């Protein structure tokens, strides 16, 4: 009798009984590297896409504005050099530094977008629930073992 039960247990294929949707972290990362936000769409985290695009748009806008002001004050500074007036140098340097900071912020936004897509794909099947019986949060996760 025990042998029949053990034989029945061996016939159960776990891949048939557990249907766990999984996402490829590398695929999500590459998608976000090509088009920021695409990895979040792939991971079904749609609410993150407008946030990424809003930050990226703001930083591009800030970079363009500061670059235009930098060019304006650079030209004014170069025109004032023969007269010995160096008033525009401070403004030129200020907008140069701000432009560079906006470029750094834009690069960080791009990298964080890629990292977020990777982490979100890794934790796609992670379950987090509130247990009303005990007024506490429950963390559930699944481990997949490939038995050969």
Protein backbone atom coordinates (compact mmCIF):
# COMPACT_ATOMS: atom_id res chain seq x y z
CA UNK A 1 0.00 0.00 0.00
CA UNK A 2 2.80 2.39 0.88
CA UNK A 3 4.52 1.56 -2.40
CA UNK A 4 1.40 2.46 -4.36
CA UNK A 5 1.18 5.86 -2.64
CA UNK A 6 4.87 6.54 -3.28
CA UNK A 7 4.38 5.58 -6.93
CA UNK A 8 1.41 7.93 -7.20
CA UNK A 9 3.45 10.77 -5.72
CA UNK A 10 6.24 10.23 -8.22
CA UNK A 11 3.80 10.58 -11.10
CA UNK A 12 2.81 14.12 -10.09
CA UNK A 13 4.69 16.61 -12.21
CA UNK A 14 5.14 19.90 -10.33
CA UNK A 15 5.47 21.91 -13.52
CA UNK A 16 1.94 20.77 -14.46
CA UNK A 17 0.40 21.58 -11.10
CA UNK A 18 2.04 24.94 -10.41
CA UNK A 19 1.51 27.66 -12.95
CA UNK A 20 3.78 30.45 -11.75
CA UNK A 21 4.05 33.36 -14.17
CA UNK A 22 7.63 34.51 -14.40
CA UNK A 23 9.33 37.45 -16.00
CA UNK A 24 12.83 37.55 -17.38
CA UNK A 25 14.94 40.07 -15.41
CA UNK A 26 17.38 40.38 -18.30
CA UNK A 27 14.54 40.95 -20.75
CA UNK A 28 13.01 43.62 -18.53
CA UNK A 29 16.39 45.29 -18.13
CA UNK A 30 17.09 45.34 -21.87
CA UNK A 31 13.61 46.67 -22.61
CA UNK A 32 14.11 49.54 -20.16
CA UNK A 33 17.54 50.25 -21.61
CA UNK A 34 16.07 50.59 -25.11
CA UNK A 35 13.00 52.61 -24.17
CA UNK A 36 12.69 53.86 -20.59
CA UNK A 37 9.50 52.51 -19.08
CA UNK A 38 9.17 49.53 -21.44
CA UNK A 39 10.54 47.17 -18.79
CA UNK A 40 7.93 48.43 -16.34
CA UNK A 41 5.20 47.79 -18.93
CA UNK A 42 6.63 44.27 -19.42
CA UNK A 43 6.45 43.72 -15.64
CA UNK A 44 2.87 45.07 -15.54
CA UNK A 45 3.85 47.99 -13.31
CA UNK A 46 2.03 50.48 -15.49
CA UNK A 47 1.80 53.18 -12.82
CA UNK A 48 5.59 53.65 -12.84
CA UNK A 49 5.83 54.64 -16.52
CA UNK A 50 4.36 58.17 -16.19
CA UNK A 51 6.64 58.81 -13.21
CA UNK A 52 9.73 57.80 -15.18
CA UNK A 53 8.69 59.87 -18.16
CA UNK A 54 7.83 62.88 -15.98
CA UNK A 55 11.23 62.86 -14.30
CA UNK A 56 13.05 62.32 -17.59
CA UNK A 57 11.07 65.10 -19.29
CA UNK A 58 11.73 67.52 -16.46
CA UNK A 59 15.47 66.81 -16.52
CA UNK A 60 15.66 67.15 -20.32
CA UNK A 61 13.74 70.44 -20.12
CA UNK A 62 16.05 71.71 -17.36
CA UNK A 63 19.13 70.69 -19.33
CA UNK A 64 17.92 72.50 -22.48
CA UNK A 65 16.99 75.66 -20.56
CA UNK A 66 20.30 75.82 -18.70
CA UNK A 67 22.24 75.06 -21.87
CA UNK A 68 20.53 77.96 -23.66
CA UNK A 69 21.25 80.32 -20.77
CA UNK A 70 24.83 79.07 -20.60
CA UNK A 71 25.34 79.85 -24.30
CA UNK A 72 23.78 83.30 -23.88
CA UNK A 73 26.01 84.26 -20.96
CA UNK A 74 29.05 82.64 -22.55
CA UNK A 75 28.63 84.86 -25.59
CA UNK A 76 28.07 87.94 -23.40
CA UNK A 77 31.15 87.06 -21.37
CA UNK A 78 33.30 86.63 -24.47
CA UNK A 79 32.04 89.96 -25.82
CA UNK A 80 32.87 91.71 -22.54
CA UNK A 81 36.45 90.41 -22.34
CA UNK A 82 38.07 93.26 -24.31
CA UNK A 83 36.46 95.85 -22.05
CA UNK A 84 37.68 94.09 -18.89
CA UNK A 85 34.22 93.55 -17.40
CA UNK A 86 33.81 90.07 -15.99
CA UNK A 87 30.24 90.29 -14.65
CA UNK A 88 28.91 87.56 -16.94
CA UNK A 89 31.49 84.97 -15.89
CA UNK A 90 29.54 84.07 -12.72
CA UNK A 91 26.33 83.58 -14.67
CA UNK A 92 28.11 81.53 -17.32
CA UNK A 93 29.62 79.26 -14.68
CA UNK A 94 26.32 79.01 -12.78
CA UNK A 95 24.36 77.81 -15.82
CA UNK A 96 27.20 75.53 -16.88
CA UNK A 97 27.11 73.81 -13.49
CA UNK A 98 23.31 73.56 -13.48
CA UNK A 99 23.33 72.10 -16.98
CA UNK A 100 25.83 69.45 -15.89
CA UNK A 101 23.74 68.59 -12.81
CA UNK A 102 20.63 68.11 -14.94
CA UNK A 103 22.62 65.76 -17.20
CA UNK A 104 23.71 63.75 -14.14
CA UNK A 105 20.11 63.61 -12.86
CA UNK A 106 18.91 62.43 -16.26
CA UNK A 107 21.56 59.70 -16.32
CA UNK A 108 20.61 58.58 -12.81
CA UNK A 109 16.94 58.46 -13.80
CA UNK A 110 17.85 56.26 -16.77
CA UNK A 111 19.92 53.91 -14.62
CA UNK A 112 17.30 53.71 -11.86
CA UNK A 113 14.70 52.89 -14.51
CA UNK A 114 16.81 49.90 -15.60
CA UNK A 115 17.48 48.76 -12.02
CA UNK A 116 13.78 49.07 -11.14
CA UNK A 117 12.78 46.93 -14.14
CA UNK A 118 15.31 44.26 -13.13
CA UNK A 119 14.21 44.15 -9.47
CA UNK A 120 10.53 44.22 -10.40
CA UNK A 121 11.02 41.23 -12.72
CA UNK A 122 12.93 39.33 -10.04
CA UNK A 123 10.16 39.91 -7.51
CA UNK A 124 7.28 39.42 -9.95
CA UNK A 125 5.83 36.41 -8.11
CA UNK A 126 6.53 37.73 -4.61
CA UNK A 127 3.29 37.93 -2.60
CA UNK A 128 2.63 40.43 0.19
CA UNK A 129 -0.73 40.30 1.99
CA UNK A 130 -2.41 41.70 5.07
CA UNK A 131 -3.80 39.07 7.44
CA UNK A 132 -7.01 40.41 9.00
CA UNK A 133 -7.11 37.63 11.61
CA UNK A 134 -3.90 38.70 13.32
CA UNK A 135 -3.61 42.34 12.13
CA UNK A 136 -0.21 41.72 10.62
CA UNK A 137 1.38 41.54 7.22
CA UNK A 138 2.25 38.21 5.63
CA UNK A 139 5.09 37.69 3.21
CA UNK A 140 4.70 34.80 0.82
CA UNK A 141 7.19 33.72 -1.78
CA UNK A 142 7.81 30.67 -3.89
CA UNK A 143 11.00 28.78 -4.45
CA UNK A 144 11.37 26.72 -7.58
CA UNK A 145 13.61 23.66 -7.41
CA UNK A 146 14.44 21.70 -10.53
CA UNK A 147 14.73 18.05 -9.58
CA UNK A 148 16.52 15.88 -12.10
